Amino acid sequence: MNNSKIASPVLMLAALAIGVASIEAHAFGTANDVDATGYSKAFKSLDTDSDGTLTRDEASKEELFSKHFKAADTNHDGKLSEEEYTNYRTAHEKKETKRVMSDSWITSKVKAALIKDEGMKGMKVGVKTFGGVVQLSGFVDTEEQIKQAEKIASGVEGVKSVKNSLVLKKQ
Protein backbone atom coordinates (compact mmCIF):
# COMPACT_ATOMS: atom_id res chain seq x y z
CA MET A 1 0.00 0.00 0.00
CA ASN A 2 1.24 3.48 -0.81
CA ASN A 3 2.42 5.11 2.44
CA SER A 4 1.68 8.63 1.15
CA LYS A 5 -2.04 7.77 0.99
CA ILE A 6 -1.93 6.84 4.67
CA ALA A 7 0.36 9.66 5.77
CA SER A 8 -1.74 12.45 4.27
CA PRO A 9 -4.90 11.91 6.38
CA VAL A 10 -2.82 11.12 9.46
CA LEU A 11 -0.85 14.36 9.10
CA MET A 12 -4.04 16.29 8.42
CA LEU A 13 -5.69 14.95 11.58
CA ALA A 14 -2.56 15.59 13.66
CA ALA A 15 -2.36 19.19 12.45
CA LEU A 16 -6.05 19.69 13.15
CA ALA A 17 -5.68 18.27 16.67
CA ILE A 18 -2.84 20.69 17.41
CA GLY A 19 -4.83 23.60 16.00
CA VAL A 20 -7.96 22.67 17.94
CA ALA A 21 -5.97 22.38 21.16
CA SER A 22 -4.47 25.82 20.56
CA ILE A 23 -7.85 27.40 19.85
CA GLU A 24 -9.40 25.66 22.84
CA ALA A 25 -6.65 26.81 25.18
CA HIS A 26 -7.11 30.38 23.98
CA ALA A 27 -10.91 30.43 23.80
CA PHE A 28 -11.70 28.62 27.01
CA GLY A 29 -9.25 30.31 29.32
CA THR A 30 -10.25 31.89 32.59
CA ALA A 31 -12.29 35.08 32.81
CA ASN A 32 -9.05 36.90 33.63
CA ASP A 33 -7.72 35.91 30.20
CA VAL A 34 -10.46 37.84 28.38
CA ASP A 35 -9.31 41.03 26.73
CA ALA A 36 -11.33 43.27 29.02
CA THR A 37 -9.60 46.34 27.65
CA GLY A 38 -10.87 45.56 24.13
CA TYR A 39 -14.39 45.01 25.40
CA SER A 40 -14.18 48.14 27.52
CA LYS A 41 -13.14 50.22 24.52
CA ALA A 42 -15.95 48.76 22.42
CA PHE A 43 -18.46 49.40 25.21
CA LYS A 44 -17.33 53.01 25.64
CA SER A 45 -17.49 53.66 21.91
CA LEU A 46 -21.14 52.51 21.90
CA ASP A 47 -22.00 54.51 25.05
CA THR A 48 -22.62 57.77 23.17
CA ASP A 49 -24.21 59.56 26.13
CA SER A 50 -21.34 58.45 28.44
CA ASP A 51 -23.70 57.34 31.23
CA GLY A 52 -21.94 53.99 31.78
CA THR A 53 -24.79 51.94 30.29
CA LEU A 54 -26.02 51.07 26.82
CA THR A 55 -29.60 51.66 25.76
CA ARG A 56 -31.13 49.33 23.19
CA ASP A 57 -30.50 52.00 20.57
CA GLU A 58 -26.81 52.42 21.51
CA ALA A 59 -26.21 48.66 21.68
CA SER A 60 -27.95 48.03 18.36
CA LYS A 61 -24.98 49.58 16.55
CA GLU A 62 -23.24 46.25 17.20
CA GLU A 63 -24.96 43.44 15.28
CA LEU A 64 -24.77 40.92 18.13
CA PHE A 65 -26.69 43.23 20.46
CA SER A 66 -29.15 44.42 17.85
CA LYS A 67 -30.40 40.83 17.84
CA HIS A 68 -29.72 39.76 21.44
CA PHE A 69 -30.18 42.84 23.61
CA LYS A 70 -32.94 41.31 25.74
CA ALA A 71 -30.90 38.15 26.44
CA ALA A 72 -27.85 40.23 27.39
CA ASP A 73 -29.89 42.42 29.77
CA THR A 74 -29.77 39.94 32.65
CA ASN A 75 -31.15 42.32 35.29
CA HIS A 76 -34.00 43.35 32.94
CA ASP A 77 -33.58 47.09 33.50
CA GLY A 78 -33.68 47.97 29.79
CA LYS A 79 -29.96 48.88 29.73
CA LEU A 80 -26.70 47.00 29.47
CA SER A 81 -24.00 47.58 32.04
CA GLU A 82 -20.41 47.05 30.96
CA GLU A 83 -20.45 43.75 32.88
CA GLU A 84 -23.59 42.52 31.08
CA TYR A 85 -22.10 43.60 27.75
CA THR A 86 -18.79 41.83 28.44
CA ASN A 87 -20.37 38.67 29.85
CA TYR A 88 -22.74 38.23 26.91
CA ARG A 89 -20.10 38.99 24.30
CA THR A 90 -17.64 36.55 25.93
CA ALA A 91 -20.24 33.77 26.13
CA HIS A 92 -21.24 34.32 22.50
CA GLU A 93 -17.63 34.23 21.29
CA LYS A 94 -16.93 31.02 23.25
CA LYS A 95 -20.03 29.40 21.76
CA GLU A 96 -18.99 30.44 18.24
CA THR A 97 -15.45 29.14 18.79
CA LYS A 98 -16.86 25.83 19.98
CA ARG A 99 -19.04 25.58 16.85
CA VAL A 100 -16.09 26.28 14.55
CA MET A 101 -13.98 23.66 16.33
CA SER A 102 -16.78 21.10 16.05
CA ASP A 103 -17.32 21.87 12.36
CA SER A 104 -13.57 21.57 11.67
CA TRP A 105 -13.46 18.24 13.43
CA ILE A 106 -16.47 16.94 11.44
CA THR A 107 -14.90 18.11 8.17
CA SER A 108 -11.66 16.29 9.00
CA LYS A 109 -13.47 13.09 9.95
CA VAL A 110 -15.55 13.14 6.74
CA LYS A 111 -12.46 13.79 4.58
CA ALA A 112 -10.54 10.98 6.29
CA ALA A 113 -13.47 8.57 5.83
CA LEU A 114 -13.73 9.49 2.13
CA ILE A 115 -9.99 9.00 1.59
CA LYS A 116 -10.14 5.64 3.36
CA ASP A 117 -13.04 4.30 1.26
CA GLU A 118 -11.91 2.14 -1.69
CA GLY A 119 -14.70 3.36 -3.99
CA MET A 120 -13.73 7.01 -3.44
CA LYS A 121 -9.96 6.66 -3.97
CA GLY A 122 -8.60 9.31 -6.30
CA MET A 123 -11.74 11.43 -6.11
CA LYS A 124 -11.32 15.04 -5.12
CA VAL A 125 -14.39 15.71 -3.03
CA GLY A 126 -14.62 19.08 -1.29
CA VAL A 127 -16.05 19.00 2.23
CA LYS A 128 -17.26 22.02 4.19
CA THR A 129 -19.24 22.03 7.43
CA PHE A 130 -21.33 24.68 9.12
CA GLY A 131 -23.40 23.94 12.20
CA GLY A 132 -23.08 20.20 11.61
CA VAL A 133 -24.40 20.44 8.04
CA VAL A 134 -21.88 18.95 5.61
CA GLN A 135 -21.61 20.25 2.04
CA LEU A 136 -20.02 17.87 -0.48
CA SER A 137 -18.80 19.29 -3.78
CA GLY A 138 -16.66 18.25 -6.73
CA PHE A 139 -16.71 15.84 -9.62
CA VAL A 140 -16.89 12.05 -9.47
CA ASP A 141 -16.90 9.26 -12.06
CA THR A 142 -20.09 7.37 -11.17
CA GLU A 143 -23.55 7.82 -9.70
CA GLU A 144 -22.57 5.18 -7.11
CA GLN A 145 -19.73 7.43 -5.89
CA ILE A 146 -22.21 10.26 -5.33
CA LYS A 147 -24.40 7.97 -3.22
CA GLN A 148 -21.42 6.45 -1.40
CA ALA A 149 -19.94 9.85 -0.50
CA GLU A 150 -23.26 10.95 0.98
CA LYS A 151 -23.60 7.68 2.90
CA ILE A 152 -20.06 8.05 4.30
CA ALA A 153 -20.60 11.68 5.33
CA SER A 154 -23.98 10.88 6.92
CA GLY A 155 -22.36 8.16 9.02
CA VAL A 156 -19.86 10.48 10.68
CA GLU A 157 -20.61 11.40 14.29
CA GLY A 158 -21.86 14.96 14.67
CA VAL A 159 -23.23 15.30 11.12
CA LYS A 160 -26.78 16.66 11.23
CA SER A 161 -27.41 16.54 7.49
CA VAL A 162 -25.58 16.35 4.15
CA LYS A 163 -26.01 18.63 1.15
CA ASN A 164 -24.68 16.61 -1.74
CA SER A 165 -23.57 18.82 -4.63
CA LEU A 166 -21.33 16.21 -6.27
CA VAL A 167 -21.54 16.14 -10.07
CA LEU A 168 -20.76 13.38 -12.57
CA LYS A 169 -17.77 14.05 -14.79
CA LYS A 170 -18.68 14.21 -18.47
CA GLN A 171 -17.26 11.16 -20.18
C-alpha atoms as a PDB file:
ATOM      1  CA  MET A   1       0.000   0.000   0.000  1.00  0.00           C
ATOM      2  CA  ASN A   2       1.242   3.478  -0.811  1.00  0.00           C
ATOM      3  CA  ASN A   3       2.424   5.109   2.441  1.00  0.00           C
ATOM      4  CA  SER A   4       1.682   8.634   1.155  1.00  0.00           C
ATOM      5  CA  LYS A   5      -2.036   7.770   0.993  1.00  0.00           C
ATOM      6  CA  ILE A   6      -1.926   6.839   4.672  1.00  0.00           C
ATOM      7  CA  ALA A   7       0.356   9.663   5.773  1.00  0.00           C
ATOM      8  CA  SER A   8      -1.745  12.455   4.273  1.00  0.00           C
ATOM      9  CA  PRO A   9      -4.902  11.910   6.378  1.00  0.00           C
ATOM     10  CA  VAL A  10      -2.823  11.117   9.458  1.00  0.00           C
ATOM     11  CA  LEU A  11      -0.847  14.359   9.099  1.00  0.00           C
ATOM     12  CA  MET A  12      -4.044  16.294   8.418  1.00  0.00           C
ATOM     13  CA  LEU A  13      -5.689  14.949  11.577  1.00  0.00           C
ATOM     14  CA  ALA A  14      -2.558  15.591  13.663  1.00  0.00           C
ATOM     15  CA  ALA A  15      -2.356  19.190  12.446  1.00  0.00           C
ATOM     16  CA  LEU A  16      -6.046  19.690  13.150  1.00  0.00           C
ATOM     17  CA  ALA A  17      -5.684  18.274  16.666  1.00  0.00           C
ATOM     18  CA  ILE A  18      -2.844  20.690  17.412  1.00  0.00           C
ATOM     19  CA  GLY A  19      -4.832  23.600  15.999  1.00  0.00           C
ATOM     20  CA  VAL A  20      -7.961  22.669  17.940  1.00  0.00           C
ATOM     21  CA  ALA A  21      -5.968  22.378  21.158  1.00  0.00           C
ATOM     22  CA  SER A  22      -4.467  25.820  20.560  1.00  0.00           C
ATOM     23  CA  ILE A  23      -7.853  27.402  19.846  1.00  0.00           C
ATOM     24  CA  GLU A  24      -9.400  25.657  22.835  1.00  0.00           C
ATOM     25  CA  ALA A  25      -6.654  26.812  25.182  1.00  0.00           C
ATOM     26  CA  HIS A  26      -7.107  30.378  23.977  1.00  0.00           C
ATOM     27  CA  ALA A  27     -10.908  30.427  23.800  1.00  0.00           C
ATOM     28  CA  PHE A  28     -11.699  28.622  27.011  1.00  0.00           C
ATOM     29  CA  GLY A  29      -9.246  30.309  29.317  1.00  0.00           C
ATOM     30  CA  THR A  30     -10.248  31.888  32.590  1.00  0.00           C
ATOM     31  CA  ALA A  31     -12.290  35.079  32.813  1.00  0.00           C
ATOM     32  CA  ASN A  32      -9.046  36.898  33.631  1.00  0.00           C
ATOM     33  CA  ASP A  33      -7.721  35.906  30.201  1.00  0.00           C
ATOM     34  CA  VAL A  34     -10.462  37.840  28.376  1.00  0.00           C
ATOM     35  CA  ASP A  35      -9.307  41.029  26.727  1.00  0.00           C
ATOM     36  CA  ALA A  36     -11.331  43.272  29.022  1.00  0.00           C
ATOM     37  CA  THR A  37      -9.596  46.343  27.646  1.00  0.00           C
ATOM     38  CA  GLY A  38     -10.869  45.564  24.133  1.00  0.00           C
ATOM     39  CA  TYR A  39     -14.389  45.010  25.400  1.00  0.00           C
ATOM     40  CA  SER A  40     -14.182  48.143  27.519  1.00  0.00           C
ATOM     41  CA  LYS A  41     -13.136  50.219  24.516  1.00  0.00           C
ATOM     42  CA  ALA A  42     -15.948  48.761  22.417  1.00  0.00           C
ATOM     43  CA  PHE A  43     -18.464  49.401  25.207  1.00  0.00           C
ATOM     44  CA  LYS A  44     -17.328  53.012  25.643  1.00  0.00           C
ATOM     45  CA  SER A  45     -17.493  53.661  21.906  1.00  0.00           C
ATOM     46  CA  LEU A  46     -21.138  52.507  21.896  1.00  0.00           C
ATOM     47  CA  ASP A  47     -21.996  54.506  25.049  1.00  0.00           C
ATOM     48  CA  THR A  48     -22.623  57.766  23.174  1.00  0.00           C
ATOM     49  CA  ASP A  49     -24.213  59.556  26.133  1.00  0.00           C
ATOM     50  CA  SER A  50     -21.344  58.451  28.442  1.00  0.00           C
ATOM     51  CA  ASP A  51     -23.697  57.341  31.233  1.00  0.00           C
ATOM     52  CA  GLY A  52     -21.941  53.986  31.777  1.00  0.00           C
ATOM     53  CA  THR A  53     -24.792  51.941  30.286  1.00  0.00           C
ATOM     54  CA  LEU A  54     -26.021  51.072  26.825  1.00  0.00           C
ATOM     55  CA  THR A  55     -29.598  51.656  25.757  1.00  0.00           C
ATOM     56  CA  ARG A  56     -31.129  49.325  23.190  1.00  0.00           C
ATOM     57  CA  ASP A  57     -30.495  52.005  20.566  1.00  0.00           C
ATOM     58  CA  GLU A  58     -26.811  52.423  21.508  1.00  0.00           C
ATOM     59  CA  ALA A  59     -26.214  48.662  21.681  1.00  0.00           C
ATOM     60  CA  SER A  60     -27.951  48.031  18.355  1.00  0.00           C
ATOM     61  CA  LYS A  61     -24.979  49.581  16.550  1.00  0.00           C
ATOM     62  CA  GLU A  62     -23.241  46.253  17.204  1.00  0.00           C
ATOM     63  CA  GLU A  63     -24.958  43.436  15.280  1.00  0.00           C
ATOM     64  CA  LEU A  64     -24.771  40.924  18.129  1.00  0.00           C
ATOM     65  CA  PHE A  65     -26.691  43.227  20.457  1.00  0.00           C
ATOM     66  CA  SER A  66     -29.148  44.424  17.845  1.00  0.00           C
ATOM     67  CA  LYS A  67     -30.400  40.826  17.843  1.00  0.00           C
ATOM     68  CA  HIS A  68     -29.721  39.759  21.435  1.00  0.00           C
ATOM     69  CA  PHE A  69     -30.183  42.842  23.608  1.00  0.00           C
ATOM     70  CA  LYS A  70     -32.944  41.312  25.744  1.00  0.00           C
ATOM     71  CA  ALA A  71     -30.904  38.153  26.439  1.00  0.00           C
ATOM     72  CA  ALA A  72     -27.852  40.226  27.391  1.00  0.00           C
ATOM     73  CA  ASP A  73     -29.890  42.422  29.772  1.00  0.00           C
ATOM     74  CA  THR A  74     -29.766  39.936  32.648  1.00  0.00           C
ATOM     75  CA  ASN A  75     -31.146  42.316  35.291  1.00  0.00           C
ATOM     76  CA  HIS A  76     -34.002  43.348  32.938  1.00  0.00           C
ATOM     77  CA  ASP A  77     -33.584  47.094  33.498  1.00  0.00           C
ATOM     78  CA  GLY A  78     -33.676  47.966  29.788  1.00  0.00           C
ATOM     79  CA  LYS A  79     -29.959  48.880  29.725  1.00  0.00           C
ATOM     80  CA  LEU A  80     -26.699  47.002  29.468  1.00  0.00           C
ATOM     81  CA  SER A  81     -23.997  47.584  32.039  1.00  0.00           C
ATOM     82  CA  GLU A  82     -20.405  47.048  30.959  1.00  0.00           C
ATOM     83  CA  GLU A  83     -20.451  43.755  32.879  1.00  0.00           C
ATOM     84  CA  GLU A  84     -23.592  42.521  31.082  1.00  0.00           C
ATOM     85  CA  TYR A  85     -22.098  43.598  27.748  1.00  0.00           C
ATOM     86  CA  THR A  86     -18.787  41.827  28.438  1.00  0.00           C
ATOM     87  CA  ASN A  87     -20.370  38.666  29.853  1.00  0.00           C
ATOM     88  CA  TYR A  88     -22.736  38.228  26.913  1.00  0.00           C
ATOM     89  CA  ARG A  89     -20.096  38.991  24.297  1.00  0.00           C
ATOM     90  CA  THR A  90     -17.642  36.553  25.930  1.00  0.00           C
ATOM     91  CA  ALA A  91     -20.241  33.768  26.134  1.00  0.00           C
ATOM     92  CA  HIS A  92     -21.243  34.322  22.497  1.00  0.00           C
ATOM     93  CA  GLU A  93     -17.628  34.231  21.289  1.00  0.00           C
ATOM     94  CA  LYS A  94     -16.930  31.021  23.253  1.00  0.00           C
ATOM     95  CA  LYS A  95     -20.031  29.400  21.755  1.00  0.00           C
ATOM     96  CA  GLU A  96     -18.993  30.437  18.242  1.00  0.00           C
ATOM     97  CA  THR A  97     -15.449  29.140  18.786  1.00  0.00           C
ATOM     98  CA  LYS A  98     -16.856  25.826  19.980  1.00  0.00           C
ATOM     99  CA  ARG A  99     -19.043  25.576  16.848  1.00  0.00           C
ATOM    100  CA  VAL A 100     -16.089  26.281  14.554  1.00  0.00           C
ATOM    101  CA  MET A 101     -13.984  23.658  16.335  1.00  0.00           C
ATOM    102  CA  SER A 102     -16.777  21.099  16.050  1.00  0.00           C
ATOM    103  CA  ASP A 103     -17.322  21.870  12.359  1.00  0.00           C
ATOM    104  CA  SER A 104     -13.574  21.574  11.671  1.00  0.00           C
ATOM    105  CA  TRP A 105     -13.462  18.236  13.434  1.00  0.00           C
ATOM    106  CA  ILE A 106     -16.465  16.943  11.443  1.00  0.00           C
ATOM    107  CA  THR A 107     -14.902  18.112   8.167  1.00  0.00           C
ATOM    108  CA  SER A 108     -11.661  16.292   9.001  1.00  0.00           C
ATOM    109  CA  LYS A 109     -13.469  13.088   9.946  1.00  0.00           C
ATOM    110  CA  VAL A 110     -15.554  13.142   6.744  1.00  0.00           C
ATOM    111  CA  LYS A 111     -12.462  13.785   4.575  1.00  0.00           C
ATOM    112  CA  ALA A 112     -10.544  10.983   6.289  1.00  0.00           C
ATOM    113  CA  ALA A 113     -13.467   8.568   5.829  1.00  0.00           C
ATOM    114  CA  LEU A 114     -13.735   9.487   2.128  1.00  0.00           C
ATOM    115  CA  ILE A 115      -9.994   9.000   1.587  1.00  0.00           C
ATOM    116  CA  LYS A 116     -10.138   5.639   3.359  1.00  0.00           C
ATOM    117  CA  ASP A 117     -13.043   4.305   1.259  1.00  0.00           C
ATOM    118  CA  GLU A 118     -11.908   2.136  -1.692  1.00  0.00           C
ATOM    119  CA  GLY A 119     -14.697   3.364  -3.988  1.00  0.00           C
ATOM    120  CA  MET A 120     -13.733   7.011  -3.442  1.00  0.00           C
ATOM    121  CA  LYS A 121      -9.956   6.660  -3.970  1.00  0.00           C
ATOM    122  CA  GLY A 122      -8.600   9.310  -6.303  1.00  0.00           C
ATOM    123  CA  MET A 123     -11.740  11.425  -6.109  1.00  0.00           C
ATOM    124  CA  LYS A 124     -11.322  15.043  -5.120  1.00  0.00           C
ATOM    125  CA  VAL A 125     -14.389  15.715  -3.034  1.00  0.00           C
ATOM    126  CA  GLY A 126     -14.623  19.079  -1.291  1.00  0.00           C
ATOM    127  CA  VAL A 127     -16.046  19.003   2.226  1.00  0.00           C
ATOM    128  CA  LYS A 128     -17.262  22.018   4.194  1.00  0.00           C
ATOM    129  CA  THR A 129     -19.239  22.028   7.425  1.00  0.00           C
ATOM    130  CA  PHE A 130     -21.335  24.681   9.119  1.00  0.00           C
ATOM    131  CA  GLY A 131     -23.402  23.940  12.203  1.00  0.00           C
ATOM    132  CA  GLY A 132     -23.084  20.199  11.610  1.00  0.00           C
ATOM    133  CA  VAL A 133     -24.402  20.444   8.039  1.00  0.00           C
ATOM    134  CA  VAL A 134     -21.876  18.949   5.613  1.00  0.00           C
ATOM    135  CA  GLN A 135     -21.611  20.251   2.042  1.00  0.00           C
ATOM    136  CA  LEU A 136     -20.016  17.866  -0.479  1.00  0.00           C
ATOM    137  CA  SER A 137     -18.800  19.291  -3.775  1.00  0.00           C
ATOM    138  CA  GLY A 138     -16.663  18.250  -6.727  1.00  0.00           C
ATOM    139  CA  PHE A 139     -16.713  15.845  -9.619  1.00  0.00           C
ATOM    140  CA  VAL A 140     -16.887  12.046  -9.475  1.00  0.00           C
ATOM    141  CA  ASP A 141     -16.899   9.256 -12.060  1.00  0.00           C
ATOM    142  CA  THR A 142     -20.089   7.374 -11.171  1.00  0.00           C
ATOM    143  CA  GLU A 143     -23.548   7.816  -9.695  1.00  0.00           C
ATOM    144  CA  GLU A 144     -22.572   5.175  -7.112  1.00  0.00           C
ATOM    145  CA  GLN A 145     -19.733   7.433  -5.888  1.00  0.00           C
ATOM    146  CA  ILE A 146     -22.214  10.261  -5.335  1.00  0.00           C
ATOM    147  CA  LYS A 147     -24.400   7.969  -3.219  1.00  0.00           C
ATOM    148  CA  GLN A 148     -21.418   6.451  -1.398  1.00  0.00           C
ATOM    149  CA  ALA A 149     -19.936   9.852  -0.503  1.00  0.00           C
ATOM    150  CA  GLU A 150     -23.259  10.950   0.980  1.00  0.00           C
ATOM    151  CA  LYS A 151     -23.596   7.685   2.902  1.00  0.00           C
ATOM    152  CA  ILE A 152     -20.056   8.053   4.298  1.00  0.00           C
ATOM    153  CA  ALA A 153     -20.600  11.679   5.331  1.00  0.00           C
ATOM    154  CA  SER A 154     -23.980  10.878   6.924  1.00  0.00           C
ATOM    155  CA  GLY A 155     -22.358   8.161   9.016  1.00  0.00           C
ATOM    156  CA  VAL A 156     -19.862  10.482  10.678  1.00  0.00           C
ATOM    157  CA  GLU A 157     -20.614  11.397  14.286  1.00  0.00           C
ATOM    158  CA  GLY A 158     -21.864  14.960  14.672  1.00  0.00           C
ATOM    159  CA  VAL A 159     -23.231  15.299  11.125  1.00  0.00           C
ATOM    160  CA  LYS A 160     -26.785  16.662  11.233  1.00  0.00           C
ATOM    161  CA  SER A 161     -27.408  16.538   7.492  1.00  0.00           C
ATOM    162  CA  VAL A 162     -25.578  16.353   4.153  1.00  0.00           C
ATOM    163  CA  LYS A 163     -26.006  18.626   1.149  1.00  0.00           C
ATOM    164  CA  ASN A 164     -24.677  16.610  -1.745  1.00  0.00           C
ATOM    165  CA  SER A 165     -23.566  18.816  -4.634  1.00  0.00           C
ATOM    166  CA  LEU A 166     -21.334  16.208  -6.274  1.00  0.00           C
ATOM    167  CA  VAL A 167     -21.536  16.145 -10.071  1.00  0.00           C
ATOM    168  CA  LEU A 168     -20.758  13.378 -12.567  1.00  0.00           C
ATOM    169  CA  LYS A 169     -17.766  14.049 -14.792  1.00  0.00           C
ATOM    170  CA  LYS A 170     -18.685  14.213 -18.475  1.00  0.00           C
ATOM    171  CA  GLN A 171     -17.262  11.162 -20.183  1.00  0.00           C
END
